[in-house]
């Protein structure tokens, strides 16, 4: 059986001269016969905005809950700020968690909500007032201290939850899909605010989301998970431009995926034959060694495909669907062998238009056509 486990340090990993804020070593978590997290090895660095990204049920929230202490791993070890945390209850760990539901107290005003954890820790008087005031200012809630949650918008309530988590000065802030309940426009605004806030406070953020765009917008690095296994860890640009396998290529953004038989390999350049007999030029990923005669999968992003015959790979296609997206138009075309090929065209003044049913020539460069892993 193929070993699906992928070690955390790919060739594109950052230099290992930064301090590790959270280390997960050999973490496995089972619920009965179901393996929620499978032999996870991950280092998350101090001051990093790190996202766990994947579909529902992939193990990302379970991983976050194990770091927080709400779940314990069946195997492996978790360390926070260099200290093992097995058996340490959540309230004694140097982490705080922000949930999608906010979990703020409706009967307390903003000041008292933010001050709640400090009071439990014995902080009083002027220090309490100063720390709460500073936390409210940090999330742009100065002047709202006397308001009850019912008098706040969804975005303002989320800021209260953030201030309450940050006021205790945790080593690590855990965020479990905290923007999921907000409308699209507010969610996009809060994404930028969260990233700016993380940069300002310098605390390690570990963020769980199933929204790829959200992860790409905010993260320094992202771990893409599927079925309890980390598929790839990298910065957003590397994940998008150099996905390691079919799952990552398909999950991060939109992509055109097709298969073929390797005809020849010349360095990183790979020539393959697709089912209709046409030849396709592609490049192999770092470390990949496709063999002549082997079946491989390749991916090319829609924005890398263009109308005209100006690329290494040229073919004819029929326009089947046109979707206007504002800044661009998406064209769904069909190749002669029945494969679907999507491409985007920017809506600039001199862009040519096409209609459904038109026969067109499309092309893309070999450097943008990647041979993928499994």
Protein backbone atom coordinates (compact mmCIF):
# COMPACT_ATOMS: atom_id res chain seq x y z
CA UNK A 1 0.00 0.00 0.00
CA UNK A 2 1.31 3.43 -0.96
CA UNK A 3 2.56 5.51 1.98
CA UNK A 4 0.53 8.76 1.82
CA UNK A 5 2.49 10.44 4.59
CA UNK A 6 4.45 13.48 3.50
CA UNK A 7 7.11 15.01 5.68
CA UNK A 8 6.72 18.64 6.63
CA UNK A 9 9.92 20.02 5.11
CA UNK A 10 9.52 20.13 1.32
CA UNK A 11 12.25 21.63 -0.89
CA UNK A 12 10.42 24.99 -0.76
CA UNK A 13 10.38 25.15 3.07
CA UNK A 14 11.77 28.30 4.72
CA UNK A 15 15.22 28.28 6.36
CA UNK A 16 15.15 26.39 9.62
CA UNK A 17 16.75 29.17 11.65
CA UNK A 18 13.50 30.45 13.15
CA UNK A 19 12.22 29.38 16.53
CA UNK A 20 9.45 26.82 16.47
CA UNK A 21 6.26 27.99 18.19
CA UNK A 22 4.31 24.73 17.79
CA UNK A 23 5.77 21.33 16.95
CA UNK A 24 3.62 18.31 16.12
CA UNK A 25 5.58 15.07 15.95
CA UNK A 26 4.00 11.81 14.80
CA UNK A 27 0.50 12.94 15.77
CA UNK A 28 -2.27 10.41 15.18
CA UNK A 29 -5.84 10.80 16.39
CA UNK A 30 -8.51 8.10 16.06
CA UNK A 31 -12.20 8.18 16.85
CA UNK A 32 -13.01 4.49 17.03
CA UNK A 33 -11.95 3.00 13.70
CA UNK A 34 -11.85 6.40 12.00
CA UNK A 35 -8.39 7.96 11.64
CA UNK A 36 -8.96 11.72 11.84
CA UNK A 37 -5.25 12.68 11.76
CA UNK A 38 -2.61 10.29 10.46
CA UNK A 39 1.04 10.57 11.58
CA UNK A 40 1.22 14.36 11.31
CA UNK A 41 4.64 16.03 11.48
CA UNK A 42 4.56 19.81 11.40
CA UNK A 43 6.65 22.76 12.63
CA UNK A 44 4.96 26.15 12.91
CA UNK A 45 7.30 29.10 13.50
CA UNK A 46 7.09 32.05 15.86
CA UNK A 47 5.33 35.07 14.39
CA UNK A 48 3.93 33.06 11.48
CA UNK A 49 0.41 33.21 10.08
CA UNK A 50 -0.09 29.53 9.39
CA UNK A 51 -3.25 28.02 7.93
CA UNK A 52 -4.63 24.50 7.98
CA UNK A 53 -6.65 24.18 4.78
CA UNK A 54 -8.78 21.37 3.48
CA UNK A 55 -12.30 20.04 2.89
CA UNK A 56 -14.70 19.17 5.69
CA UNK A 57 -13.56 16.11 7.61
CA UNK A 58 -9.89 16.37 6.56
CA UNK A 59 -8.60 16.65 10.15
CA UNK A 60 -7.77 20.37 10.33
CA UNK A 61 -10.13 21.25 13.20
CA UNK A 62 -9.14 18.11 15.09
CA UNK A 63 -5.50 19.20 14.77
CA UNK A 64 -6.36 22.65 16.12
CA UNK A 65 -8.31 21.16 19.03
CA UNK A 66 -5.33 18.96 19.94
CA UNK A 67 -3.06 22.02 20.05
CA UNK A 68 -5.65 23.81 22.20
CA UNK A 69 -6.00 20.84 24.54
CA UNK A 70 -9.66 20.06 23.83
CA UNK A 71 -8.56 16.73 22.35
CA UNK A 72 -5.54 14.57 23.15
CA UNK A 73 -3.60 12.70 20.45
CA UNK A 74 -3.58 8.93 20.55
CA UNK A 75 0.05 8.91 19.41
CA UNK A 76 2.82 11.48 19.09
CA UNK A 77 3.81 14.64 20.89
CA UNK A 78 2.77 18.30 20.76
CA UNK A 79 5.05 21.07 22.02
CA UNK A 80 4.19 24.75 22.41
CA UNK A 81 7.01 27.25 22.90
CA UNK A 82 9.38 24.32 23.36
CA UNK A 83 7.36 22.66 26.14
CA UNK A 84 5.40 19.38 25.78
CA UNK A 85 1.71 19.97 26.51
CA UNK A 86 0.37 16.43 26.81
CA UNK A 87 -2.02 16.26 29.73
CA UNK A 88 -1.93 20.05 30.25
CA UNK A 89 -5.53 21.39 30.38
CA UNK A 90 -6.54 24.07 27.85
CA UNK A 91 -6.60 26.92 30.38
CA UNK A 92 -2.97 26.22 31.35
CA UNK A 93 -1.60 26.16 27.81
CA UNK A 94 -0.05 29.37 26.40
CA UNK A 95 -2.68 29.48 23.65
CA UNK A 96 -6.09 31.05 23.17
CA UNK A 97 -8.81 30.04 20.74
CA UNK A 98 -11.25 32.10 18.69
CA UNK A 99 -14.27 30.17 17.42
CA UNK A 100 -16.66 30.77 14.54
CA UNK A 101 -19.49 31.25 17.04
CA UNK A 102 -17.56 34.06 18.83
CA UNK A 103 -18.62 32.64 22.26
CA UNK A 104 -18.85 36.09 23.83
CA UNK A 105 -21.13 36.65 26.82
CA UNK A 106 -24.38 38.41 25.80
CA UNK A 107 -25.01 39.82 29.30
CA UNK A 108 -21.59 41.52 29.53
CA UNK A 109 -20.54 44.69 27.74
CA UNK A 110 -17.46 44.84 25.51
CA UNK A 111 -15.12 45.89 28.33
CA UNK A 112 -16.21 43.08 30.63
CA UNK A 113 -16.09 40.50 27.85
CA UNK A 114 -12.51 41.44 27.03
CA UNK A 115 -11.59 41.63 30.74
CA UNK A 116 -13.09 38.25 31.61
CA UNK A 117 -9.91 36.17 31.25
CA UNK A 118 -7.75 38.81 32.96
CA UNK A 119 -10.03 38.86 36.00
CA UNK A 120 -9.87 35.09 36.25
CA UNK A 121 -6.08 35.42 36.19
CA UNK A 122 -6.20 37.91 39.08
CA UNK A 123 -5.41 41.07 37.10
CA UNK A 124 -7.06 44.10 38.71
CA UNK A 125 -7.23 47.89 38.84
CA UNK A 126 -5.28 50.12 36.51
CA UNK A 127 -3.41 47.27 34.85
CA UNK A 128 -6.73 45.64 33.95
CA UNK A 129 -8.12 48.88 32.53
CA UNK A 130 -4.99 49.62 30.49
CA UNK A 131 -4.73 46.14 29.01
CA UNK A 132 -8.41 46.03 28.07
CA UNK A 133 -8.26 49.52 26.56
CA UNK A 134 -5.15 48.59 24.57
CA UNK A 135 -6.79 45.39 23.30
CA UNK A 136 -9.95 47.23 22.24
CA UNK A 137 -7.88 49.83 20.41
CA UNK A 138 -5.91 47.07 18.70
CA UNK A 139 -9.11 45.70 17.10
CA UNK A 140 -10.63 49.16 16.44
CA UNK A 141 -13.26 48.97 19.18
CA UNK A 142 -12.23 52.02 21.19
CA UNK A 143 -15.38 53.85 22.24
CA UNK A 144 -17.46 50.66 22.17
CA UNK A 145 -16.46 49.44 25.64
CA UNK A 146 -19.89 50.00 27.24
CA UNK A 147 -21.94 48.40 24.47
CA UNK A 148 -23.59 44.99 24.83
CA UNK A 149 -23.04 42.38 22.08
CA UNK A 150 -26.62 42.83 20.78
CA UNK A 151 -25.69 46.42 19.86
CA UNK A 152 -22.76 45.28 17.68
CA UNK A 153 -22.52 44.03 14.11
CA UNK A 154 -21.19 40.56 13.33
CA UNK A 155 -17.78 41.96 12.46
CA UNK A 156 -17.65 43.96 15.70
CA UNK A 157 -18.60 40.89 17.74
CA UNK A 158 -15.78 38.98 16.05
CA UNK A 159 -13.41 41.79 17.06
CA UNK A 160 -14.55 41.43 20.67
CA UNK A 161 -13.67 37.71 20.52
CA UNK A 162 -10.26 38.58 19.07
CA UNK A 163 -9.58 41.24 21.73
CA UNK A 164 -10.55 38.82 24.51
CA UNK A 165 -8.15 36.22 23.10
CA UNK A 166 -5.27 38.66 22.58
CA UNK A 167 -5.54 40.49 25.90
CA UNK A 168 -4.06 37.48 27.72
CA UNK A 169 -0.92 37.70 25.55
CA UNK A 170 -0.89 34.08 24.38
CA UNK A 171 2.13 32.59 22.65
CA UNK A 172 -0.17 31.20 19.96
CA UNK A 173 -3.63 32.26 18.80
CA UNK A 174 -5.80 29.49 17.36
CA UNK A 175 -8.62 30.50 15.01
CA UNK A 176 -11.26 27.96 14.00
CA UNK A 177 -13.01 29.34 10.89
CA UNK A 178 -13.67 32.62 12.75
CA UNK A 179 -15.02 34.47 9.71
CA UNK A 180 -17.39 31.74 8.52
CA UNK A 181 -20.54 33.44 9.86
CA UNK A 182 -19.85 36.79 8.18
CA UNK A 183 -21.19 37.91 4.81
CA UNK A 184 -18.78 37.85 1.86
CA UNK A 185 -17.89 41.55 1.77
CA UNK A 186 -17.27 41.77 5.51
CA UNK A 187 -15.33 38.51 5.47
CA UNK A 188 -12.94 39.89 2.85
CA UNK A 189 -12.47 43.08 4.88
CA UNK A 190 -11.80 41.08 8.04
CA UNK A 191 -9.25 38.91 6.24
CA UNK A 192 -7.07 41.94 5.61
CA UNK A 193 -7.67 43.28 9.13
CA UNK A 194 -6.68 39.94 10.66
CA UNK A 195 -3.47 39.79 8.65
CA UNK A 196 -2.59 43.38 9.63
CA UNK A 197 -3.41 42.62 13.26
CA UNK A 198 -1.22 39.53 13.28
CA UNK A 199 1.65 41.53 11.79
CA UNK A 200 1.17 44.22 14.44
CA UNK A 201 1.06 41.96 17.49
CA UNK A 202 3.65 39.46 16.19
CA UNK A 203 1.86 36.47 17.72
CA UNK A 204 1.79 33.11 15.94
CA UNK A 205 -1.63 32.60 14.35
CA UNK A 206 -2.84 29.12 13.42
CA UNK A 207 -5.91 29.45 11.26
CA UNK A 208 -8.34 26.72 10.19
CA UNK A 209 -10.37 27.21 7.02
CA UNK A 210 -11.86 25.33 4.08
CA UNK A 211 -11.79 28.54 2.01
CA UNK A 212 -8.76 28.44 -0.30
CA UNK A 213 -8.96 32.14 -1.18
CA UNK A 214 -9.03 33.05 2.51
CA UNK A 215 -5.93 30.97 3.18
CA UNK A 216 -4.07 32.37 0.18
CA UNK A 217 -4.93 35.94 1.19
CA UNK A 218 -3.70 35.79 4.78
CA UNK A 219 -1.13 33.04 5.23
CA UNK A 220 2.64 32.98 5.33
CA UNK A 221 2.44 29.20 4.87
CA UNK A 222 -0.39 26.75 4.37
CA UNK A 223 -0.74 23.04 5.13
CA UNK A 224 -3.20 21.42 2.73
CA UNK A 225 -4.85 18.41 4.37
CA UNK A 226 -6.96 15.55 3.05
CA UNK A 227 -8.21 12.49 4.91
CA UNK A 228 -6.06 13.29 7.93
CA UNK A 229 -2.85 13.61 5.93
CA UNK A 230 -0.87 16.74 5.06
CA UNK A 231 -0.51 16.76 1.28
CA UNK A 232 1.79 19.79 0.97
CA UNK A 233 3.15 22.61 3.12
CA UNK A 234 4.32 25.77 1.38
CA UNK A 235 3.79 29.48 0.94
CA UNK A 236 0.68 30.49 -1.06
CA UNK A 237 2.51 31.19 -4.33
CA UNK A 238 4.30 27.82 -4.28
CA UNK A 239 1.10 25.93 -3.49
CA UNK A 240 -0.68 27.57 -6.38
CA UNK A 241 2.12 27.57 -8.94
CA UNK A 242 3.81 24.28 -7.97
CA UNK A 243 1.19 21.93 -6.48
CA UNK A 244 2.71 18.62 -5.46
CA UNK A 245 -0.13 16.32 -6.48
CA UNK A 246 -3.56 16.14 -8.08
CA UNK A 247 -5.42 16.86 -4.86
CA UNK A 248 -3.53 20.08 -4.16
CA UNK A 249 -3.76 21.21 -7.79
CA UNK A 250 -7.51 20.59 -7.81
CA UNK A 251 -8.23 22.04 -4.36
CA UNK A 252 -6.18 25.23 -4.64
CA UNK A 253 -7.86 27.30 -7.31
CA UNK A 254 -9.20 26.02 -10.60
CA UNK A 255 -7.05 23.89 -12.86
CA UNK A 256 -7.16 21.85 -16.05
CA UNK A 257 -6.13 18.26 -15.28
CA UNK A 258 -5.47 15.58 -17.86
CA UNK A 259 -3.42 12.42 -18.23
CA UNK A 260 -1.08 10.95 -20.79
CA UNK A 261 1.75 8.51 -21.44
CA UNK A 262 5.33 9.76 -21.15
CA UNK A 263 7.09 9.54 -24.51
CA UNK A 264 10.43 11.11 -23.56
CA UNK A 265 12.19 12.97 -20.76
CA UNK A 266 14.88 15.56 -21.37
CA UNK A 267 15.97 17.16 -18.08
CA UNK A 268 12.85 18.64 -16.57
CA UNK A 269 11.11 18.71 -19.97
CA UNK A 270 8.60 15.90 -20.44
CA UNK A 271 6.82 14.98 -23.66
CA UNK A 272 3.66 12.95 -23.26
CA UNK A 273 1.01 11.58 -25.58
CA UNK A 274 -2.62 12.22 -24.63
CA UNK A 275 -5.51 9.87 -25.51
CA UNK A 276 -6.27 11.53 -28.89
CA UNK A 277 -2.64 10.97 -29.97
CA UNK A 278 -1.55 14.60 -29.64
CA UNK A 279 1.72 15.42 -27.92
CA UNK A 280 1.92 17.71 -24.91
CA UNK A 281 5.06 19.39 -23.58
CA UNK A 282 5.26 19.73 -19.78
CA UNK A 283 7.79 20.10 -16.99
CA UNK A 284 8.45 17.74 -14.08
CA UNK A 285 8.24 18.98 -10.52
CA UNK A 286 11.38 19.15 -8.41
CA UNK A 287 12.31 15.62 -7.43
CA UNK A 288 9.88 13.99 -9.86
CA UNK A 289 11.38 11.43 -12.24
CA UNK A 290 8.70 10.32 -14.71
CA UNK A 291 9.75 7.26 -16.73
CA UNK A 292 9.07 6.83 -20.48
CA UNK A 293 6.00 4.68 -20.88
CA UNK A 294 4.52 5.64 -17.52
CA UNK A 295 1.09 7.20 -17.08
CA UNK A 296 1.21 10.71 -15.57
CA UNK A 297 -1.16 13.52 -14.74
CA UNK A 298 -0.47 17.10 -15.73
CA UNK A 299 -2.08 20.40 -14.73
CA UNK A 300 -2.27 23.82 -16.33
CA UNK A 301 -4.08 26.77 -14.73
CA UNK A 302 -6.85 28.43 -16.80
CA UNK A 303 -5.13 31.82 -16.68
CA UNK A 304 -2.02 30.25 -18.25
CA UNK A 305 -4.03 29.18 -21.31
CA UNK A 306 -4.62 31.77 -24.02
CA UNK A 307 -6.28 32.17 -27.38
CA UNK A 308 -3.93 31.95 -30.34
CA UNK A 309 -0.96 29.77 -31.32
CA UNK A 310 1.77 31.48 -29.30
CA UNK A 311 2.68 28.64 -26.91
CA UNK A 312 4.54 25.32 -26.84
CA UNK A 313 1.24 23.43 -26.84
CA UNK A 314 -1.28 24.41 -29.51
CA UNK A 315 -4.65 22.83 -30.27
CA UNK A 316 -8.09 23.62 -31.64
CA UNK A 317 -11.16 23.68 -29.42
CA UNK A 318 -14.85 24.56 -29.49
CA UNK A 319 -16.27 27.19 -27.13
CA UNK A 320 -19.06 25.54 -25.12
CA UNK A 321 -19.73 28.00 -22.30
CA UNK A 322 -18.91 31.63 -21.50
CA UNK A 323 -19.06 33.03 -17.95
CA UNK A 324 -18.66 36.76 -17.38
CA UNK A 325 -16.78 37.39 -14.09
CA UNK A 326 -16.31 41.16 -14.15
CA UNK A 327 -12.55 41.58 -14.34
CA UNK A 328 -12.30 38.56 -16.63
CA UNK A 329 -14.36 36.18 -18.72
CA UNK A 330 -14.12 32.42 -18.33
CA UNK A 331 -14.36 30.30 -21.46
CA UNK A 332 -15.10 26.58 -21.23
CA UNK A 333 -13.87 24.85 -24.35
CA UNK A 334 -13.88 21.25 -25.52
CA UNK A 335 -10.88 19.69 -27.21
CA UNK A 336 -11.32 17.21 -30.10
CA UNK A 337 -11.02 14.18 -27.80
CA UNK A 338 -13.80 15.45 -25.52
CA UNK A 339 -11.57 16.88 -22.78
CA UNK A 340 -12.71 20.14 -21.21
CA UNK A 341 -10.25 23.04 -21.14
CA UNK A 342 -11.01 26.26 -19.24
CA UNK A 343 -9.26 29.57 -19.81
CA UNK A 344 -9.63 33.17 -18.70
CA UNK A 345 -9.42 36.34 -20.72
CA UNK A 346 -8.97 39.69 -18.99
CA UNK A 347 -11.69 42.19 -19.83
CA UNK A 348 -9.43 44.85 -21.25
CA UNK A 349 -10.47 47.22 -23.99
CA UNK A 350 -8.76 45.41 -26.85
CA UNK A 351 -9.67 41.86 -25.78
CA UNK A 352 -11.35 39.91 -28.56
CA UNK A 353 -14.73 38.29 -27.93
CA UNK A 354 -15.87 34.79 -28.80
CA UNK A 355 -19.28 33.14 -28.97
CA UNK A 356 -20.54 29.71 -27.97
CA UNK A 357 -19.94 27.35 -30.88
CA UNK A 358 -16.85 29.16 -32.19
CA UNK A 359 -13.87 27.03 -33.17
CA UNK A 360 -10.77 28.59 -31.63
CA UNK A 361 -7.05 27.96 -31.33
CA UNK A 362 -5.71 27.79 -27.77
CA UNK A 363 -2.18 27.40 -26.46
CA UNK A 364 -0.06 27.29 -23.33
CA UNK A 365 3.63 27.11 -22.48
CA UNK A 366 5.36 23.93 -21.33
CA UNK A 367 6.71 25.70 -18.21
CA UNK A 368 3.12 26.23 -17.05
CA UNK A 369 2.12 22.60 -17.60
CA UNK A 370 3.21 20.59 -14.56
CA UNK A 371 3.66 16.84 -14.23
CA UNK A 372 2.07 15.97 -10.88
CA UNK A 373 2.51 13.31 -8.24
CA UNK A 374 -0.25 10.89 -7.30
